[in-house]
Amino acid sequence: MTDQSSTPRTSDILNLLGAGVLLSAAFLFPGATLALGSIAKFYQESKRQKDFRQWERYNIHRLRYILQRLRRQKIIEVSDEDKFSIVRLTEKGKQRMLKYQLEEMSLAPPKHWDRKWRLIIYDISKFKKREQNTFRRMLTKLKMLQLQKSVYLTPYPCHSEIEFLREYYGVGKEVMYIVADRLENEDVYKTYFGL
C-alpha cells in the first residue's frame, strides 16, 4: 500500500464485489499489512493482478474495518473457491449493492445529441402501487419530462438505466422504451432540455 491510498466507501466495495472483482479473504485479517506480499502472490496465482490493483488503491486499515463490519452484518461472506478463500456478496449484500446503484443513478448528457427522443411509457398494475410510485420517482430523479401520467421523455440514451429499473422493480413487461426521430412540438422540448 502506498501513502496515497484513498479511503473506500461501502458503496465502492459493494460495487466492485458485485462487478466480480476478486477480493482475497486475507484482506479481512489483521496481519494483512505484513502479508501484503502473500496477498499479491494470491492474485498472481489466480491471474487477477488487475483485481489486486483495484483493492490496493484503498487504505488497507479502512478497507479491513469496512469489510469486517459488512461481514458482521451478513452483507459479505468468505467462501472457498479452488484453493483460495475469497470474499463474496450474500443475497442481502446484492440487494444493498443495487440500492446504492439506484441512489447514484443519473443520466449524463452526451457531448453531441443524436437528435433522437426516448419515451418511457408504463402501465404498472394497481396491485404494484409501491413499485409504480418508486419507478415514477426514479424517472423524475433522472430529470425526465413527464408528458402524461405514465409517459416520460428524455433526449438522452437511457436504455441500460431503464433495463436496470425494470429488473429491480420487477416491472419488465409493463414498461416500454421507445426511440423516436421526431415529436410534435419538439421545439418546446428542445428548449426544456437546453438543446
C-alpha atoms as a PDB file:
ATOM      1  CA  MET A   1       0.000   0.000   0.000  1.00  0.00           C
ATOM      2  CA  THR A   2       1.176   3.482  -0.772  1.00  0.00           C
ATOM      3  CA  ASP A   3       0.666   6.535   1.401  1.00  0.00           C
ATOM      4  CA  GLN A   4      -1.544   7.961  -1.340  1.00  0.00           C
ATOM      5  CA  SER A   5      -4.184   5.264  -0.888  1.00  0.00           C
ATOM      6  CA  SER A   6      -7.753   6.505  -0.854  1.00  0.00           C
ATOM      7  CA  THR A   7     -10.493   5.856   1.673  1.00  0.00           C
ATOM      8  CA  PRO A   8     -13.040   3.322   0.391  1.00  0.00           C
ATOM      9  CA  ARG A   9     -16.772   3.866   0.751  1.00  0.00           C
ATOM     10  CA  THR A  10     -19.122   0.979   1.426  1.00  0.00           C
ATOM     11  CA  SER A  11     -20.718   1.528  -1.991  1.00  0.00           C
ATOM     12  CA  ASP A  12     -17.268   1.270  -3.681  1.00  0.00           C
ATOM     13  CA  ILE A  13     -16.641  -2.104  -2.051  1.00  0.00           C
ATOM     14  CA  LEU A  14     -20.104  -3.487  -2.844  1.00  0.00           C
ATOM     15  CA  ASN A  15     -19.954  -2.274  -6.457  1.00  0.00           C
ATOM     16  CA  LEU A  16     -16.536  -3.875  -7.016  1.00  0.00           C
ATOM     17  CA  LEU A  17     -17.632  -7.178  -5.479  1.00  0.00           C
ATOM     18  CA  GLY A  18     -20.889  -7.013  -7.439  1.00  0.00           C
ATOM     19  CA  ALA A  19     -18.933  -6.469 -10.655  1.00  0.00           C
ATOM     20  CA  GLY A  20     -16.991  -9.666  -9.959  1.00  0.00           C
ATOM     21  CA  VAL A  21     -13.710  -8.088  -8.843  1.00  0.00           C
ATOM     22  CA  LEU A  22     -11.968 -10.807  -6.839  1.00  0.00           C
ATOM     23  CA  LEU A  23     -11.166  -9.994  -3.196  1.00  0.00           C
ATOM     24  CA  SER A  24      -8.845 -12.225  -1.183  1.00  0.00           C
ATOM     25  CA  ALA A  25     -10.150 -13.063   2.284  1.00  0.00           C
ATOM     26  CA  ALA A  26      -6.638 -12.185   3.545  1.00  0.00           C
ATOM     27  CA  PHE A  27      -7.692  -8.521   3.384  1.00  0.00           C
ATOM     28  CA  LEU A  28     -10.067  -9.255   6.273  1.00  0.00           C
ATOM     29  CA  PHE A  29      -7.443 -10.417   8.705  1.00  0.00           C
ATOM     30  CA  PRO A  30      -5.311  -8.176  10.973  1.00  0.00           C
ATOM     31  CA  GLY A  31      -1.907  -9.387   9.707  1.00  0.00           C
ATOM     32  CA  ALA A  32      -2.743  -8.362   6.157  1.00  0.00           C
ATOM     33  CA  THR A  33      -0.376  -5.374   6.034  1.00  0.00           C
ATOM     34  CA  LEU A  34       2.534  -7.626   6.921  1.00  0.00           C
ATOM     35  CA  ALA A  35       1.325 -10.207   4.433  1.00  0.00           C
ATOM     36  CA  LEU A  36       0.716  -7.845   1.503  1.00  0.00           C
ATOM     37  CA  GLY A  37       3.313  -9.766  -0.488  1.00  0.00           C
ATOM     38  CA  SER A  38       1.429 -13.023   0.013  1.00  0.00           C
ATOM     39  CA  ILE A  39      -1.840 -11.306  -0.922  1.00  0.00           C
ATOM     40  CA  ALA A  40      -0.191 -10.076  -4.142  1.00  0.00           C
ATOM     41  CA  LYS A  41       1.009 -13.649  -4.757  1.00  0.00           C
ATOM     42  CA  PHE A  42      -2.593 -14.884  -4.399  1.00  0.00           C
ATOM     43  CA  TYR A  43      -3.656 -12.531  -7.209  1.00  0.00           C
ATOM     44  CA  GLN A  44      -0.701 -13.550  -9.395  1.00  0.00           C
ATOM     45  CA  GLU A  45      -1.512 -17.230  -8.937  1.00  0.00           C
ATOM     46  CA  SER A  46      -5.156 -16.632  -9.798  1.00  0.00           C
ATOM     47  CA  LYS A  47      -4.105 -14.400 -12.744  1.00  0.00           C
ATOM     48  CA  ARG A  48      -6.179 -11.483 -11.432  1.00  0.00           C
ATOM     49  CA  GLN A  49      -3.483  -8.802 -10.940  1.00  0.00           C
ATOM     50  CA  LYS A  50      -5.917  -6.204 -12.271  1.00  0.00           C
ATOM     51  CA  ASP A  51      -8.264  -7.042  -9.379  1.00  0.00           C
ATOM     52  CA  PHE A  52      -5.394  -6.614  -6.913  1.00  0.00           C
ATOM     53  CA  ARG A  53      -4.739  -3.086  -8.252  1.00  0.00           C
ATOM     54  CA  GLN A  54      -8.424  -2.225  -7.707  1.00  0.00           C
ATOM     55  CA  TRP A  55      -8.133  -3.076  -3.991  1.00  0.00           C
ATOM     56  CA  GLU A  56      -4.549  -1.899  -3.490  1.00  0.00           C
ATOM     57  CA  ARG A  57      -5.528   1.728  -4.119  1.00  0.00           C
ATOM     58  CA  TYR A  58      -7.523   1.794  -0.868  1.00  0.00           C
ATOM     59  CA  ASN A  59      -6.254   2.383   2.643  1.00  0.00           C
ATOM     60  CA  ILE A  60      -5.933  -1.173   3.949  1.00  0.00           C
ATOM     61  CA  HIS A  61      -6.913  -0.358   7.559  1.00  0.00           C
ATOM     62  CA  ARG A  62     -10.116   1.384   6.458  1.00  0.00           C
ATOM     63  CA  LEU A  63     -10.846  -1.343   3.887  1.00  0.00           C
ATOM     64  CA  ARG A  64     -10.433  -4.032   6.552  1.00  0.00           C
ATOM     65  CA  TYR A  65     -12.657  -2.126   9.006  1.00  0.00           C
ATOM     66  CA  ILE A  66     -15.487  -1.835   6.451  1.00  0.00           C
ATOM     67  CA  LEU A  67     -15.108  -5.460   5.343  1.00  0.00           C
ATOM     68  CA  GLN A  68     -15.329  -6.728   8.928  1.00  0.00           C
ATOM     69  CA  ARG A  69     -18.432  -4.583   9.545  1.00  0.00           C
ATOM     70  CA  LEU A  70     -20.053  -5.895   6.339  1.00  0.00           C
ATOM     71  CA  ARG A  71     -19.250  -9.452   7.391  1.00  0.00           C
ATOM     72  CA  ARG A  72     -20.898  -8.933  10.811  1.00  0.00           C
ATOM     73  CA  GLN A  73     -23.965  -7.518   9.010  1.00  0.00           C
ATOM     74  CA  LYS A  74     -24.010 -10.622   6.759  1.00  0.00           C
ATOM     75  CA  ILE A  75     -23.574  -8.451   3.655  1.00  0.00           C
ATOM     76  CA  ILE A  76     -20.439 -10.387   2.652  1.00  0.00           C
ATOM     77  CA  GLU A  77     -19.205 -13.896   3.353  1.00  0.00           C
ATOM     78  CA  VAL A  78     -15.963 -15.803   2.941  1.00  0.00           C
ATOM     79  CA  SER A  79     -16.095 -18.836   0.686  1.00  0.00           C
ATOM     80  CA  ASP A  80     -13.517 -21.255  -0.655  1.00  0.00           C
ATOM     81  CA  GLU A  81     -13.008 -21.312  -4.385  1.00  0.00           C
ATOM     82  CA  ASP A  82     -10.422 -23.631  -5.917  1.00  0.00           C
ATOM     83  CA  LYS A  83      -7.645 -23.415  -3.323  1.00  0.00           C
ATOM     84  CA  PHE A  84      -8.368 -19.791  -2.322  1.00  0.00           C
ATOM     85  CA  SER A  85     -10.575 -18.144   0.306  1.00  0.00           C
ATOM     86  CA  ILE A  86     -12.385 -15.203  -1.236  1.00  0.00           C
ATOM     87  CA  VAL A  87     -14.968 -12.608  -0.192  1.00  0.00           C
ATOM     88  CA  ARG A  88     -18.382 -12.701  -1.869  1.00  0.00           C
ATOM     89  CA  LEU A  89     -21.632 -10.759  -1.591  1.00  0.00           C
ATOM     90  CA  THR A  90     -24.510 -12.544   0.125  1.00  0.00           C
ATOM     91  CA  GLU A  91     -28.065 -12.146  -1.240  1.00  0.00           C
ATOM     92  CA  LYS A  92     -28.533  -9.364   1.321  1.00  0.00           C
ATOM     93  CA  GLY A  93     -25.320  -7.780   0.005  1.00  0.00           C
ATOM     94  CA  LYS A  94     -26.552  -7.923  -3.592  1.00  0.00           C
ATOM     95  CA  GLN A  95     -29.724  -6.083  -2.583  1.00  0.00           C
ATOM     96  CA  ARG A  96     -27.669  -3.436  -0.751  1.00  0.00           C
ATOM     97  CA  MET A  97     -25.440  -3.003  -3.826  1.00  0.00           C
ATOM     98  CA  LEU A  98     -28.479  -2.489  -6.062  1.00  0.00           C
ATOM     99  CA  LYS A  99     -29.822   0.107  -3.634  1.00  0.00           C
ATOM    100  CA  TYR A 100     -26.542   2.047  -3.836  1.00  0.00           C
ATOM    101  CA  GLN A 101     -26.644   1.849  -7.626  1.00  0.00           C
ATOM    102  CA  LEU A 102     -30.168   3.268  -7.575  1.00  0.00           C
ATOM    103  CA  GLU A 103     -29.148   6.140  -5.321  1.00  0.00           C
ATOM    104  CA  GLU A 104     -26.195   7.031  -7.566  1.00  0.00           C
ATOM    105  CA  MET A 105     -28.007   6.604 -10.902  1.00  0.00           C
ATOM    106  CA  SER A 106     -28.118   9.643 -13.189  1.00  0.00           C
ATOM    107  CA  LEU A 107     -28.196  10.397 -16.916  1.00  0.00           C
ATOM    108  CA  ALA A 108     -25.105  12.066 -18.297  1.00  0.00           C
ATOM    109  CA  PRO A 109     -25.901  14.227 -21.338  1.00  0.00           C
ATOM    110  CA  PRO A 110     -23.626  13.233 -24.251  1.00  0.00           C
ATOM    111  CA  LYS A 111     -21.404  15.880 -25.859  1.00  0.00           C
ATOM    112  CA  HIS A 112     -23.446  15.700 -29.046  1.00  0.00           C
ATOM    113  CA  TRP A 113     -27.158  14.964 -29.104  1.00  0.00           C
ATOM    114  CA  ASP A 114     -28.063  12.219 -31.619  1.00  0.00           C
ATOM    115  CA  ARG A 115     -31.350  14.034 -32.387  1.00  0.00           C
ATOM    116  CA  LYS A 116     -33.442  11.161 -31.074  1.00  0.00           C
ATOM    117  CA  TRP A 117     -36.053  11.212 -28.315  1.00  0.00           C
ATOM    118  CA  ARG A 118     -36.550   8.491 -25.697  1.00  0.00           C
ATOM    119  CA  LEU A 119     -40.085   7.872 -24.485  1.00  0.00           C
ATOM    120  CA  ILE A 120     -40.727   5.748 -21.416  1.00  0.00           C
ATOM    121  CA  ILE A 121     -44.325   4.528 -21.235  1.00  0.00           C
ATOM    122  CA  TYR A 122     -45.530   2.333 -18.411  1.00  0.00           C
ATOM    123  CA  ASP A 123     -48.736   0.691 -17.284  1.00  0.00           C
ATOM    124  CA  ILE A 124     -47.846  -0.861 -13.942  1.00  0.00           C
ATOM    125  CA  SER A 125     -50.581  -2.883 -12.246  1.00  0.00           C
ATOM    126  CA  LYS A 126     -52.564  -1.173  -9.480  1.00  0.00           C
ATOM    127  CA  PHE A 127     -51.518  -4.119  -7.289  1.00  0.00           C
ATOM    128  CA  LYS A 128     -47.927  -2.850  -7.550  1.00  0.00           C
ATOM    129  CA  LYS A 129     -48.634   0.645  -6.252  1.00  0.00           C
ATOM    130  CA  ARG A 130     -45.342   0.909  -4.341  1.00  0.00           C
ATOM    131  CA  GLU A 131     -43.308  -0.166  -7.403  1.00  0.00           C
ATOM    132  CA  GLN A 132     -45.295   2.251  -9.568  1.00  0.00           C
ATOM    133  CA  ASN A 133     -44.589   5.194  -7.245  1.00  0.00           C
ATOM    134  CA  THR A 134     -40.887   4.448  -6.821  1.00  0.00           C
ATOM    135  CA  PHE A 135     -40.464   3.865 -10.586  1.00  0.00           C
ATOM    136  CA  ARG A 136     -42.092   7.254 -11.258  1.00  0.00           C
ATOM    137  CA  ARG A 137     -39.834   8.924  -8.657  1.00  0.00           C
ATOM    138  CA  MET A 138     -36.757   7.420 -10.336  1.00  0.00           C
ATOM    139  CA  LEU A 139     -37.798   8.800 -13.745  1.00  0.00           C
ATOM    140  CA  THR A 140     -38.185  12.231 -12.141  1.00  0.00           C
ATOM    141  CA  LYS A 141     -34.793  11.848 -10.417  1.00  0.00           C
ATOM    142  CA  LEU A 142     -33.289  11.125 -13.853  1.00  0.00           C
ATOM    143  CA  LYS A 143     -34.662  14.545 -14.919  1.00  0.00           C
ATOM    144  CA  MET A 144     -37.105  13.173 -17.454  1.00  0.00           C
ATOM    145  CA  LEU A 145     -40.040  15.338 -18.535  1.00  0.00           C
ATOM    146  CA  GLN A 146     -43.476  13.985 -17.635  1.00  0.00           C
ATOM    147  CA  LEU A 147     -45.700  14.314 -20.730  1.00  0.00           C
ATOM    148  CA  GLN A 148     -48.669  12.438 -19.292  1.00  0.00           C
ATOM    149  CA  LYS A 149     -49.329  10.481 -16.116  1.00  0.00           C
ATOM    150  CA  SER A 150     -47.263   7.478 -17.243  1.00  0.00           C
ATOM    151  CA  VAL A 151     -45.320   8.894 -20.200  1.00  0.00           C
ATOM    152  CA  TYR A 152     -41.857  10.417 -19.726  1.00  0.00           C
ATOM    153  CA  LEU A 153     -39.453  11.966 -22.209  1.00  0.00           C
ATOM    154  CA  THR A 154     -35.699  12.492 -22.399  1.00  0.00           C
ATOM    155  CA  PRO A 155     -33.324  13.209 -25.297  1.00  0.00           C
ATOM    156  CA  TYR A 156     -30.547  11.196 -23.648  1.00  0.00           C
ATOM    157  CA  PRO A 157     -29.758   7.492 -24.130  1.00  0.00           C
ATOM    158  CA  CYS A 158     -31.006   5.587 -21.085  1.00  0.00           C
ATOM    159  CA  HIS A 159     -31.762   2.052 -22.228  1.00  0.00           C
ATOM    160  CA  SER A 160     -29.433   0.374 -19.707  1.00  0.00           C
ATOM    161  CA  GLU A 161     -30.830   2.504 -16.856  1.00  0.00           C
ATOM    162  CA  ILE A 162     -34.427   1.616 -17.804  1.00  0.00           C
ATOM    163  CA  GLU A 163     -33.470  -2.076 -18.080  1.00  0.00           C
ATOM    164  CA  PHE A 164     -31.952  -1.893 -14.594  1.00  0.00           C
ATOM    165  CA  LEU A 165     -35.119  -0.259 -13.180  1.00  0.00           C
ATOM    166  CA  ARG A 166     -37.367  -2.812 -14.903  1.00  0.00           C
ATOM    167  CA  GLU A 167     -35.360  -5.640 -13.352  1.00  0.00           C
ATOM    168  CA  TYR A 168     -35.043  -4.035  -9.913  1.00  0.00           C
ATOM    169  CA  TYR A 169     -38.763  -3.254  -9.563  1.00  0.00           C
ATOM    170  CA  GLY A 170     -39.954  -6.402 -11.367  1.00  0.00           C
ATOM    171  CA  VAL A 171     -41.971  -4.458 -13.959  1.00  0.00           C
ATOM    172  CA  GLY A 172     -40.293  -5.631 -17.165  1.00  0.00           C
ATOM    173  CA  LYS A 173     -43.402  -6.289 -19.244  1.00  0.00           C
ATOM    174  CA  GLU A 174     -45.180  -3.190 -18.000  1.00  0.00           C
ATOM    175  CA  VAL A 175     -42.621  -0.653 -19.250  1.00  0.00           C
ATOM    176  CA  MET A 176     -41.996   0.318 -22.866  1.00  0.00           C
ATOM    177  CA  TYR A 177     -38.858   2.102 -24.128  1.00  0.00           C
ATOM    178  CA  ILE A 178     -39.329   3.912 -27.451  1.00  0.00           C
ATOM    179  CA  VAL A 179     -36.765   5.797 -29.529  1.00  0.00           C
ATOM    180  CA  ALA A 180     -38.300   8.401 -31.882  1.00  0.00           C
ATOM    181  CA  ASP A 181     -36.734  10.577 -34.575  1.00  0.00           C
ATOM    182  CA  ARG A 182     -39.297  13.340 -34.330  1.00  0.00           C
ATOM    183  CA  LEU A 183     -42.000  14.634 -31.992  1.00  0.00           C
ATOM    184  CA  GLU A 184     -44.799  17.101 -32.469  1.00  0.00           C
ATOM    185  CA  ASN A 185     -43.897  20.499 -30.983  1.00  0.00           C
ATOM    186  CA  GLU A 186     -40.362  19.281 -30.340  1.00  0.00           C
ATOM    187  CA  ASP A 187     -39.006  22.849 -30.219  1.00  0.00           C
ATOM    188  CA  VAL A 188     -40.702  23.173 -26.822  1.00  0.00           C
ATOM    189  CA  TYR A 189     -38.892  20.041 -25.612  1.00  0.00           C
ATOM    190  CA  LYS A 190     -35.573  21.171 -27.068  1.00  0.00           C
ATOM    191  CA  THR A 191     -35.901  24.397 -25.098  1.00  0.00           C
ATOM    192  CA  TYR A 192     -36.819  22.485 -21.942  1.00  0.00           C
ATOM    193  CA  PHE A 193     -33.719  20.289 -22.205  1.00  0.00           C
ATOM    194  CA  GLY A 194     -31.472  23.135 -23.373  1.00  0.00           C
ATOM    195  CA  LEU A 195     -30.756  21.633 -26.806  1.00  0.00           C
END
